Amino acid sequence: MKPMFLPEVEGCDKPSPYTALIRDKQDAGAEYPQIWHMFAFLPKATEHLARFTQEILRGPAPLSPGMRELIAAFTSYRNDCPF
């Protein structure tokens, strides 16, 4: 996986659920969302973003969660940003 080019953020060892998720994915050789590094680096500052994202993508809405994920993935693709 391409690095984010933020070594201090990517190398963060602060205790966080995201730090554990990152290590598990790295150990398995699997890809994972790079934003997890920011969540692990600043867990208190990013917890509202995680809640917001979950509510937008998973909360009650006229569109299914799958359709919302598809829209987010397509938007990221159009912005040349890996989703």
C-alpha atoms as a PDB file:
ATOM      1  CA  MET A   1       0.000   0.000   0.000  1.00  0.00           C
ATOM      2  CA  LYS A   2       1.305   3.471  -0.847  1.00  0.00           C
ATOM      3  CA  PRO A   3       2.286   5.484   2.242  1.00  0.00           C
ATOM      4  CA  MET A   4       0.533   8.726   3.094  1.00  0.00           C
ATOM      5  CA  PHE A   5       3.922  10.452   3.327  1.00  0.00           C
ATOM      6  CA  LEU A   6       3.255  11.435   6.949  1.00  0.00           C
ATOM      7  CA  PRO A   7       5.760   9.220   8.796  1.00  0.00           C
ATOM      8  CA  GLU A   8       4.970  10.669  12.239  1.00  0.00           C
ATOM      9  CA  VAL A   9       1.277   9.935  11.742  1.00  0.00           C
ATOM     10  CA  GLU A  10       1.749   6.529  10.114  1.00  0.00           C
ATOM     11  CA  GLY A  11       4.234   5.405  12.774  1.00  0.00           C
ATOM     12  CA  CYS A  12       2.085   6.451  15.715  1.00  0.00           C
ATOM     13  CA  ASP A  13       1.855   3.854  18.492  1.00  0.00           C
ATOM     14  CA  LYS A  14      -0.762   5.569  20.682  1.00  0.00           C
ATOM     15  CA  PRO A  15      -3.283   3.161  22.179  1.00  0.00           C
ATOM     16  CA  SER A  16      -6.370   3.303  19.994  1.00  0.00           C
ATOM     17  CA  PRO A  17      -8.804   0.843  18.456  1.00  0.00           C
ATOM     18  CA  TYR A  18      -7.551   2.080  15.085  1.00  0.00           C
ATOM     19  CA  THR A  19      -3.927   1.309  15.962  1.00  0.00           C
ATOM     20  CA  ALA A  20      -4.955  -2.305  16.593  1.00  0.00           C
ATOM     21  CA  LEU A  21      -6.945  -2.437  13.337  1.00  0.00           C
ATOM     22  CA  ILE A  22      -4.003  -1.045  11.377  1.00  0.00           C
ATOM     23  CA  ARG A  23      -1.561  -3.561  12.870  1.00  0.00           C
ATOM     24  CA  ASP A  24      -3.955  -6.465  12.192  1.00  0.00           C
ATOM     25  CA  LYS A  25      -4.369  -5.442   8.541  1.00  0.00           C
ATOM     26  CA  GLN A  26      -0.628  -4.871   8.106  1.00  0.00           C
ATOM     27  CA  ASP A  27       0.180  -8.258   9.634  1.00  0.00           C
ATOM     28  CA  ALA A  28      -2.302  -9.890   7.259  1.00  0.00           C
ATOM     29  CA  GLY A  29      -0.850  -7.985   4.284  1.00  0.00           C
ATOM     30  CA  ALA A  30      -4.293  -6.509   3.630  1.00  0.00           C
ATOM     31  CA  GLU A  31      -5.200  -3.005   2.476  1.00  0.00           C
ATOM     32  CA  TYR A  32      -7.079  -0.672   4.799  1.00  0.00           C
ATOM     33  CA  PRO A  33      -8.369   2.918   4.719  1.00  0.00           C
ATOM     34  CA  GLN A  34      -5.403   5.270   5.150  1.00  0.00           C
ATOM     35  CA  ILE A  35      -7.547   7.648   7.198  1.00  0.00           C
ATOM     36  CA  TRP A  36      -7.242   5.103  10.017  1.00  0.00           C
ATOM     37  CA  HIS A  37      -3.744   6.491  10.592  1.00  0.00           C
ATOM     38  CA  MET A  38      -5.200   9.929  11.363  1.00  0.00           C
ATOM     39  CA  PHE A  39      -7.854   8.360  13.606  1.00  0.00           C
ATOM     40  CA  ALA A  40      -5.114   6.514  15.521  1.00  0.00           C
ATOM     41  CA  PHE A  41      -2.895   9.609  15.687  1.00  0.00           C
ATOM     42  CA  LEU A  42      -5.592  11.938  17.041  1.00  0.00           C
ATOM     43  CA  PRO A  43      -8.337   9.683  18.407  1.00  0.00           C
ATOM     44  CA  LYS A  44     -10.070  12.353  20.469  1.00  0.00           C
ATOM     45  CA  ALA A  45     -10.076  14.881  17.628  1.00  0.00           C
ATOM     46  CA  THR A  46     -11.330  12.415  15.034  1.00  0.00           C
ATOM     47  CA  GLU A  47     -13.978  10.493  16.988  1.00  0.00           C
ATOM     48  CA  HIS A  48     -16.654  12.963  15.838  1.00  0.00           C
ATOM     49  CA  LEU A  49     -15.605  12.344  12.220  1.00  0.00           C
ATOM     50  CA  ALA A  50     -15.933   8.584  12.700  1.00  0.00           C
ATOM     51  CA  ARG A  51     -19.416   9.016  14.230  1.00  0.00           C
ATOM     52  CA  PHE A  52     -20.426  11.409  11.435  1.00  0.00           C
ATOM     53  CA  THR A  53     -19.238   9.000   8.746  1.00  0.00           C
ATOM     54  CA  GLN A  54     -21.061   6.056  10.293  1.00  0.00           C
ATOM     55  CA  GLU A  55     -24.277   8.047  10.620  1.00  0.00           C
ATOM     56  CA  ILE A  56     -24.094   9.265   7.010  1.00  0.00           C
ATOM     57  CA  LEU A  57     -23.283   5.856   5.563  1.00  0.00           C
ATOM     58  CA  ARG A  58     -25.240   3.589   7.923  1.00  0.00           C
ATOM     59  CA  GLY A  59     -28.000   5.649   9.548  1.00  0.00           C
ATOM     60  CA  PRO A  60     -31.641   5.686   8.444  1.00  0.00           C
ATOM     61  CA  ALA A  61     -32.028   7.229   4.978  1.00  0.00           C
ATOM     62  CA  PRO A  62     -33.939   6.801   1.717  1.00  0.00           C
ATOM     63  CA  LEU A  63     -30.838   5.227   0.111  1.00  0.00           C
ATOM     64  CA  SER A  64     -29.458   1.879   1.259  1.00  0.00           C
ATOM     65  CA  PRO A  65     -26.021   1.794   2.938  1.00  0.00           C
ATOM     66  CA  GLY A  66     -24.684  -0.057  -0.119  1.00  0.00           C
ATOM     67  CA  MET A  67     -25.890   2.689  -2.473  1.00  0.00           C
ATOM     68  CA  ARG A  68     -24.336   5.351  -0.242  1.00  0.00           C
ATOM     69  CA  GLU A  69     -21.029   3.430  -0.238  1.00  0.00           C
ATOM     70  CA  LEU A  70     -21.201   3.231  -4.022  1.00  0.00           C
ATOM     71  CA  ILE A  71     -21.760   6.986  -4.300  1.00  0.00           C
ATOM     72  CA  ALA A  72     -18.826   7.638  -1.934  1.00  0.00           C
ATOM     73  CA  ALA A  73     -16.578   5.270  -3.902  1.00  0.00           C
ATOM     74  CA  PHE A  74     -17.547   6.856  -7.231  1.00  0.00           C
ATOM     75  CA  THR A  75     -16.963  10.345  -5.847  1.00  0.00           C
ATOM     76  CA  SER A  76     -13.527   9.309  -4.595  1.00  0.00           C
ATOM     77  CA  TYR A  77     -12.769   7.764  -7.995  1.00  0.00           C
ATOM     78  CA  ARG A  78     -13.759  10.977  -9.779  1.00  0.00           C
ATOM     79  CA  ASN A  79     -11.500  12.906  -7.394  1.00  0.00           C
ATOM     80  CA  ASP A  80      -8.662  10.472  -8.183  1.00  0.00           C
ATOM     81  CA  CYS A  81      -8.623   9.434  -4.526  1.00  0.00           C
ATOM     82  CA  PRO A  82      -8.456   5.760  -3.507  1.00  0.00           C
ATOM     83  CA  PHE A  83     -11.530   4.945  -1.423  1.00  0.00           C
END
